[in-house]
């Protein structure tokens, strides 16, 4: 019975350590993705391309730099790359939404201004 308990404890410790290790890899990959994604670039893409830029932001999956995954196990590379790409897509999409929203607000402001100019010009014409 003691052997069973020892074997059970050893295996339970081994299998609980794997998710913690995976969680740490994912946190590292997410932090790297946030640092690597250019916010200004994706805000600009969202601003210039509008909803198409938002779609591009969520569809383009950047790869992590090779220097970060070189010499690592295949499981580490797979987990790191997956978490990196998911977080990078999310950050790109959010930044492109911000750019699209800025563009939309500017278009609305311009439209209101143009309508006020046209209205003012139309009321100042004497017949």
Protein backbone atom coordinates (compact mmCIF):
# COMPACT_ATOMS: atom_id res chain seq x y z
CA UNK A 1 0.00 0.00 0.00
CA UNK A 2 2.85 2.39 0.78
CA UNK A 3 4.39 1.76 -2.64
CA UNK A 4 1.09 2.58 -4.30
CA UNK A 5 0.83 5.86 -2.40
CA UNK A 6 4.42 6.81 -3.26
CA UNK A 7 3.94 5.97 -6.95
CA UNK A 8 0.63 7.85 -6.98
CA UNK A 9 2.20 10.94 -5.40
CA UNK A 10 5.15 10.90 -7.80
CA UNK A 11 2.91 10.67 -10.86
CA UNK A 12 0.48 13.26 -9.57
CA UNK A 13 3.34 15.70 -8.99
CA UNK A 14 4.74 15.03 -12.47
CA UNK A 15 1.42 15.57 -14.21
CA UNK A 16 0.53 18.69 -12.25
CA UNK A 17 3.90 20.24 -13.08
CA UNK A 18 3.25 20.01 -16.83
CA UNK A 19 0.31 22.44 -16.93
CA UNK A 20 2.19 24.92 -14.77
CA UNK A 21 5.13 24.76 -17.18
CA UNK A 22 2.78 25.21 -20.13
CA UNK A 23 1.11 28.13 -18.37
CA UNK A 24 4.51 29.79 -17.86
CA UNK A 25 5.40 29.31 -21.54
CA UNK A 26 2.10 30.83 -22.58
CA UNK A 27 2.54 33.83 -20.28
CA UNK A 28 6.02 34.41 -21.68
CA UNK A 29 4.75 34.14 -25.26
CA UNK A 30 1.87 36.54 -24.59
CA UNK A 31 4.18 39.11 -23.02
CA UNK A 32 6.56 38.83 -25.98
CA UNK A 33 3.67 39.22 -28.45
CA UNK A 34 2.41 42.36 -26.73
CA UNK A 35 5.91 43.80 -26.83
CA UNK A 36 6.56 42.86 -30.48
CA UNK A 37 3.31 44.01 -32.12
CA UNK A 38 3.56 47.58 -33.40
CA UNK A 39 0.52 49.46 -32.11
CA UNK A 40 1.10 52.44 -34.40
CA UNK A 41 1.29 50.22 -37.48
CA UNK A 42 -1.99 48.46 -36.72
CA UNK A 43 -3.79 51.65 -35.71
CA UNK A 44 -2.66 53.07 -39.07
CA UNK A 45 -3.88 50.00 -40.94
CA UNK A 46 -7.26 50.24 -39.21
CA UNK A 47 -7.41 53.98 -39.91
CA UNK A 48 -6.57 53.65 -43.61
CA UNK A 49 -8.37 50.41 -44.47
CA UNK A 50 -11.34 50.57 -42.08
CA UNK A 51 -13.19 47.29 -41.54
CA UNK A 52 -10.88 45.51 -43.99
CA UNK A 53 -7.95 46.52 -41.77
CA UNK A 54 -9.73 45.03 -38.76
CA UNK A 55 -10.20 41.74 -40.62
CA UNK A 56 -6.56 41.73 -41.64
CA UNK A 57 -5.53 42.40 -38.04
CA UNK A 58 -7.42 39.36 -36.80
CA UNK A 59 -6.38 37.10 -39.69
CA UNK A 60 -2.63 37.74 -39.96
CA UNK A 61 -0.73 35.49 -37.56
CA UNK A 62 2.85 36.65 -37.05
CA UNK A 63 5.51 34.11 -36.18
CA UNK A 64 7.70 34.56 -33.13
CA UNK A 65 11.34 35.44 -33.76
CA UNK A 66 13.43 32.33 -34.34
CA UNK A 67 15.95 33.39 -31.71
CA UNK A 68 13.35 32.89 -28.97
CA UNK A 69 12.50 29.32 -29.89
CA UNK A 70 15.87 28.11 -31.13
CA UNK A 71 17.18 25.11 -29.21
CA UNK A 72 13.88 24.45 -27.41
CA UNK A 73 11.89 21.23 -27.42
CA UNK A 74 9.22 20.72 -30.05
CA UNK A 75 6.48 20.80 -27.40
CA UNK A 76 7.79 24.14 -26.12
CA UNK A 77 7.99 25.56 -29.65
CA UNK A 78 4.46 24.42 -30.47
CA UNK A 79 2.95 25.84 -27.26
CA UNK A 80 4.95 29.08 -27.43
CA UNK A 81 4.08 29.67 -31.09
CA UNK A 82 0.38 28.99 -30.55
CA UNK A 83 0.12 31.36 -27.57
CA UNK A 84 2.26 33.99 -29.33
CA UNK A 85 0.12 33.97 -32.46
CA UNK A 86 -3.17 34.07 -30.54
CA UNK A 87 -2.09 37.05 -28.44
CA UNK A 88 -0.50 38.87 -31.40
CA UNK A 89 -3.71 38.51 -33.44
CA UNK A 90 -5.71 39.85 -30.53
CA UNK A 91 -3.45 42.88 -30.06
CA UNK A 92 -3.37 43.58 -33.81
CA UNK A 93 -7.16 43.34 -34.01
CA UNK A 94 -7.75 45.65 -31.06
CA UNK A 95 -5.32 48.24 -32.40
CA UNK A 96 -6.88 48.11 -35.87
CA UNK A 97 -10.33 48.58 -34.28
CA UNK A 98 -8.99 51.69 -32.54
CA UNK A 99 -7.70 53.01 -35.88
CA UNK A 100 -10.99 52.23 -37.60
CA UNK A 101 -12.92 54.01 -34.82
CA UNK A 102 -10.70 57.09 -35.10
CA UNK A 103 -11.28 57.14 -38.85
CA UNK A 104 -15.03 56.78 -38.38
CA UNK A 105 -15.18 59.62 -35.86
CA UNK A 106 -13.18 61.88 -38.18
CA UNK A 107 -15.50 61.09 -41.09
CA UNK A 108 -18.55 61.93 -38.97
CA UNK A 109 -16.97 65.20 -37.78
CA UNK A 110 -16.06 66.11 -41.36
CA UNK A 111 -19.60 65.32 -42.55
CA UNK A 112 -21.13 67.50 -39.82
CA UNK A 113 -18.75 70.33 -40.67
CA UNK A 114 -19.42 70.04 -44.41
CA UNK A 115 -23.19 70.03 -43.85
CA UNK A 116 -22.94 73.13 -41.68
CA UNK A 117 -20.89 74.92 -44.36
CA UNK A 118 -23.39 73.95 -47.07
CA UNK A 119 -26.32 75.01 -44.91
CA UNK A 120 -24.67 78.32 -44.07
CA UNK A 121 -23.89 78.95 -47.73
CA UNK A 122 -27.44 78.09 -48.78
CA UNK A 123 -29.01 80.45 -46.25
CA UNK A 124 -26.73 83.36 -47.16
CA UNK A 125 -27.79 83.45 -50.82
CA UNK A 126 -30.17 86.33 -51.53
CA UNK A 127 -32.79 85.97 -54.19
